[in-house]
Amino acid sequence: MRTHGASTSTRRADTTETQQQAHPRLLPVVIGYVIAILIGIVLPEVAVALYFGIAVYLVVPFREVARPAFRRS
């Protein structure tokens, strides 16, 4: 019983930590969508490019990709 309780609380802490990491990424995405919608009214092609850029931003873990490149020896 104690093991199950400890693992459950650990999972909850990890979930909360993951949610906190995702929150700062959300604001730029929402702002990007609003801008893309407004631009899409006038220039739909540009809006499609912005949507693509937002998708890449959400999918690619830039911090993890850049970490080995900038790691000091």
N, C-alpha and C. Protein backbone atom coordinates (compact mmCIF):
# COMPACT_ATOMS: atom_id res chain seq x y z
N MET A 1 0.81 -1.19 0.00
CA MET A 1 0.00 0.00 0.00
C MET A 1 0.86 1.26 0.00
N ARG A 2 1.89 1.28 0.80
CA ARG A 2 2.72 2.49 0.87
C ARG A 2 3.42 2.75 -0.46
N THR A 3 3.85 1.71 -1.11
CA THR A 3 4.52 1.86 -2.40
C THR A 3 3.57 2.46 -3.43
N HIS A 4 2.35 1.98 -3.46
CA HIS A 4 1.37 2.52 -4.41
C HIS A 4 1.08 3.99 -4.11
N GLY A 5 0.93 4.33 -2.86
CA GLY A 5 0.66 5.72 -2.49
C GLY A 5 1.81 6.64 -2.86
N ALA A 6 3.02 6.17 -2.65
CA ALA A 6 4.20 6.98 -2.97
C ALA A 6 4.32 7.18 -4.48
N SER A 7 4.06 6.10 -5.24
CA SER A 7 4.19 6.24 -6.70
C SER A 7 3.08 7.13 -7.26
N THR A 8 1.90 7.09 -6.67
CA THR A 8 0.80 7.94 -7.14
C THR A 8 1.12 9.40 -6.88
N SER A 9 1.64 9.72 -5.71
CA SER A 9 1.96 11.12 -5.42
C SER A 9 3.10 11.61 -6.29
N THR A 10 4.04 10.71 -6.61
CA THR A 10 5.14 11.09 -7.50
C THR A 10 4.60 11.40 -8.89
N ARG A 11 3.66 10.59 -9.37
CA ARG A 11 3.08 10.86 -10.69
C ARG A 11 2.36 12.19 -10.70
N ARG A 12 1.64 12.49 -9.66
CA ARG A 12 0.93 13.76 -9.61
C ARG A 12 1.90 14.93 -9.61
N ALA A 13 3.01 14.80 -8.89
CA ALA A 13 4.01 15.87 -8.87
C ALA A 13 4.61 16.04 -10.26
N ASP A 14 4.88 14.92 -10.97
CA ASP A 14 5.44 15.00 -12.32
C ASP A 14 4.45 15.65 -13.27
N THR A 15 3.17 15.31 -13.14
CA THR A 15 2.16 15.89 -14.01
C THR A 15 2.07 17.39 -13.79
N THR A 16 2.08 17.81 -12.55
CA THR A 16 2.01 19.23 -12.24
C THR A 16 3.23 19.95 -12.80
N GLU A 17 4.39 19.33 -12.67
CA GLU A 17 5.63 19.92 -13.19
C GLU A 17 5.57 20.06 -14.70
N THR A 18 5.04 19.05 -15.38
CA THR A 18 4.91 19.09 -16.84
C THR A 18 3.93 20.17 -17.26
N GLN A 19 2.84 20.30 -16.53
CA GLN A 19 1.86 21.33 -16.84
C GLN A 19 2.46 22.72 -16.64
N GLN A 20 3.27 22.89 -15.63
CA GLN A 20 3.90 24.18 -15.39
C GLN A 20 4.90 24.52 -16.48
N GLN A 21 5.57 23.51 -17.02
CA GLN A 21 6.52 23.75 -18.11
C GLN A 21 5.79 24.10 -19.39
N ALA A 22 4.61 23.55 -19.60
CA ALA A 22 3.85 23.78 -20.82
C ALA A 22 3.17 25.14 -20.81
N HIS A 23 2.86 25.67 -19.64
CA HIS A 23 2.11 26.93 -19.55
C HIS A 23 2.83 28.11 -20.19
N PRO A 24 4.12 28.33 -19.95
CA PRO A 24 4.78 29.46 -20.60
C PRO A 24 4.82 29.36 -22.12
N ARG A 25 4.76 28.15 -22.67
CA ARG A 25 4.76 27.97 -24.12
C ARG A 25 3.41 28.29 -24.72
N LEU A 26 2.37 28.28 -23.92
CA LEU A 26 1.02 28.44 -24.43
C LEU A 26 0.73 29.87 -24.85
N LEU A 27 1.18 30.84 -24.11
CA LEU A 27 0.87 32.24 -24.41
C LEU A 27 1.37 32.67 -25.80
N PRO A 28 2.62 32.40 -26.16
CA PRO A 28 3.05 32.78 -27.52
C PRO A 28 2.25 32.08 -28.62
N VAL A 29 1.82 30.85 -28.36
CA VAL A 29 1.04 30.12 -29.35
C VAL A 29 -0.33 30.77 -29.54
N VAL A 30 -0.98 31.13 -28.45
CA VAL A 30 -2.28 31.78 -28.53
C VAL A 30 -2.16 33.12 -29.25
N ILE A 31 -1.14 33.89 -28.92
CA ILE A 31 -0.91 35.17 -29.59
C ILE A 31 -0.65 34.94 -31.08
N GLY A 32 0.12 33.91 -31.40
CA GLY A 32 0.40 33.58 -32.80
C GLY A 32 -0.86 33.21 -33.57
N TYR A 33 -1.74 32.44 -32.94
CA TYR A 33 -3.00 32.07 -33.59
C TYR A 33 -3.86 33.30 -33.85
N VAL A 34 -3.95 34.19 -32.88
CA VAL A 34 -4.76 35.41 -33.06
C VAL A 34 -4.20 36.24 -34.21
N ILE A 35 -2.89 36.40 -34.24
CA ILE A 35 -2.26 37.17 -35.33
C ILE A 35 -2.49 36.48 -36.67
N ALA A 36 -2.36 35.15 -36.71
CA ALA A 36 -2.57 34.41 -37.96
C ALA A 36 -4.01 34.54 -38.44
N ILE A 37 -4.96 34.52 -37.53
CA ILE A 37 -6.36 34.68 -37.91
C ILE A 37 -6.60 36.07 -38.50
N LEU A 38 -6.06 37.09 -37.84
CA LEU A 38 -6.26 38.46 -38.34
C LEU A 38 -5.58 38.66 -39.70
N ILE A 39 -4.39 38.12 -39.86
CA ILE A 39 -3.70 38.23 -41.15
C ILE A 39 -4.41 37.39 -42.20
N GLY A 40 -4.97 36.24 -41.79
CA GLY A 40 -5.67 35.35 -42.71
C GLY A 40 -6.88 35.97 -43.35
N ILE A 41 -7.46 36.96 -42.71
CA ILE A 41 -8.61 37.65 -43.30
C ILE A 41 -8.19 38.38 -44.57
N VAL A 42 -6.99 38.94 -44.55
CA VAL A 42 -6.50 39.73 -45.69
C VAL A 42 -5.59 38.90 -46.60
N LEU A 43 -4.67 38.15 -46.01
CA LEU A 43 -3.68 37.39 -46.77
C LEU A 43 -3.67 35.92 -46.31
N PRO A 44 -4.54 35.10 -46.87
CA PRO A 44 -4.64 33.70 -46.42
C PRO A 44 -3.35 32.90 -46.58
N GLU A 45 -2.57 33.17 -47.61
CA GLU A 45 -1.34 32.43 -47.83
C GLU A 45 -0.34 32.67 -46.70
N VAL A 46 -0.25 33.89 -46.24
CA VAL A 46 0.66 34.23 -45.14
C VAL A 46 0.18 33.55 -43.86
N ALA A 47 -1.13 33.50 -43.66
CA ALA A 47 -1.68 32.86 -42.47
C ALA A 47 -1.34 31.38 -42.44
N VAL A 48 -1.37 30.72 -43.61
CA VAL A 48 -1.02 29.30 -43.67
C VAL A 48 0.43 29.11 -43.25
N ALA A 49 1.30 29.99 -43.70
CA ALA A 49 2.71 29.91 -43.30
C ALA A 49 2.87 30.11 -41.79
N LEU A 50 2.11 31.03 -41.23
CA LEU A 50 2.16 31.25 -39.78
C LEU A 50 1.66 30.03 -39.01
N TYR A 51 0.58 29.41 -39.49
CA TYR A 51 0.08 28.19 -38.84
C TYR A 51 1.13 27.09 -38.89
N PHE A 52 1.83 26.97 -40.01
CA PHE A 52 2.89 25.99 -40.13
C PHE A 52 4.01 26.28 -39.12
N GLY A 53 4.38 27.55 -39.00
CA GLY A 53 5.40 27.93 -38.03
C GLY A 53 4.99 27.63 -36.60
N ILE A 54 3.74 27.86 -36.28
CA ILE A 54 3.24 27.55 -34.94
C ILE A 54 3.30 26.05 -34.70
N ALA A 55 2.94 25.26 -35.70
CA ALA A 55 2.98 23.79 -35.55
C ALA A 55 4.40 23.31 -35.31
N VAL A 56 5.35 23.86 -36.03
CA VAL A 56 6.75 23.48 -35.84
C VAL A 56 7.20 23.88 -34.43
N TYR A 57 6.82 25.05 -33.98
CA TYR A 57 7.17 25.53 -32.65
C TYR A 57 6.63 24.59 -31.57
N LEU A 58 5.42 24.07 -31.78
CA LEU A 58 4.82 23.18 -30.79
C LEU A 58 5.42 21.78 -30.80
N VAL A 59 5.87 21.32 -31.96
CA VAL A 59 6.32 19.93 -32.09
C VAL A 59 7.80 19.78 -31.77
N VAL A 60 8.64 20.70 -32.22
CA VAL A 60 10.08 20.57 -32.05
C VAL A 60 10.50 21.05 -30.66
N PRO A 61 11.17 20.21 -29.88
CA PRO A 61 11.65 20.62 -28.56
C PRO A 61 12.97 21.39 -28.69
N PHE A 62 12.87 22.68 -28.98
CA PHE A 62 14.06 23.48 -29.28
C PHE A 62 15.08 23.47 -28.15
N ARG A 63 14.64 23.52 -26.91
CA ARG A 63 15.59 23.51 -25.78
C ARG A 63 16.39 22.22 -25.74
N GLU A 64 15.73 21.10 -25.97
CA GLU A 64 16.43 19.82 -25.94
C GLU A 64 17.35 19.66 -27.14
N VAL A 65 16.97 20.21 -28.27
CA VAL A 65 17.81 20.13 -29.47
C VAL A 65 19.04 21.02 -29.30
N ALA A 66 18.86 22.19 -28.72
CA ALA A 66 19.97 23.14 -28.58
C ALA A 66 20.90 22.79 -27.43
N ARG A 67 20.41 22.06 -26.46
CA ARG A 67 21.22 21.74 -25.27
C ARG A 67 22.54 21.06 -25.63
N PRO A 68 22.58 20.00 -26.44
CA PRO A 68 23.87 19.39 -26.78
C PRO A 68 24.76 20.31 -27.61
N ALA A 69 24.18 21.16 -28.41
CA ALA A 69 24.97 22.04 -29.27
C ALA A 69 25.72 23.10 -28.46
N PHE A 70 25.12 23.53 -27.37
CA PHE A 70 25.74 24.59 -26.57
C PHE A 70 26.36 24.07 -25.27
N ARG A 71 26.44 22.77 -25.14
CA ARG A 71 27.03 22.18 -23.92
C ARG A 71 28.53 22.41 -23.92
N ARG A 72 29.04 22.86 -22.79
CA ARG A 72 30.47 23.09 -22.68
C ARG A 72 31.19 21.81 -22.33
N SER A 73 32.36 21.63 -22.87
CA SER A 73 33.13 20.40 -22.64
C SER A 73 33.77 20.41 -21.30
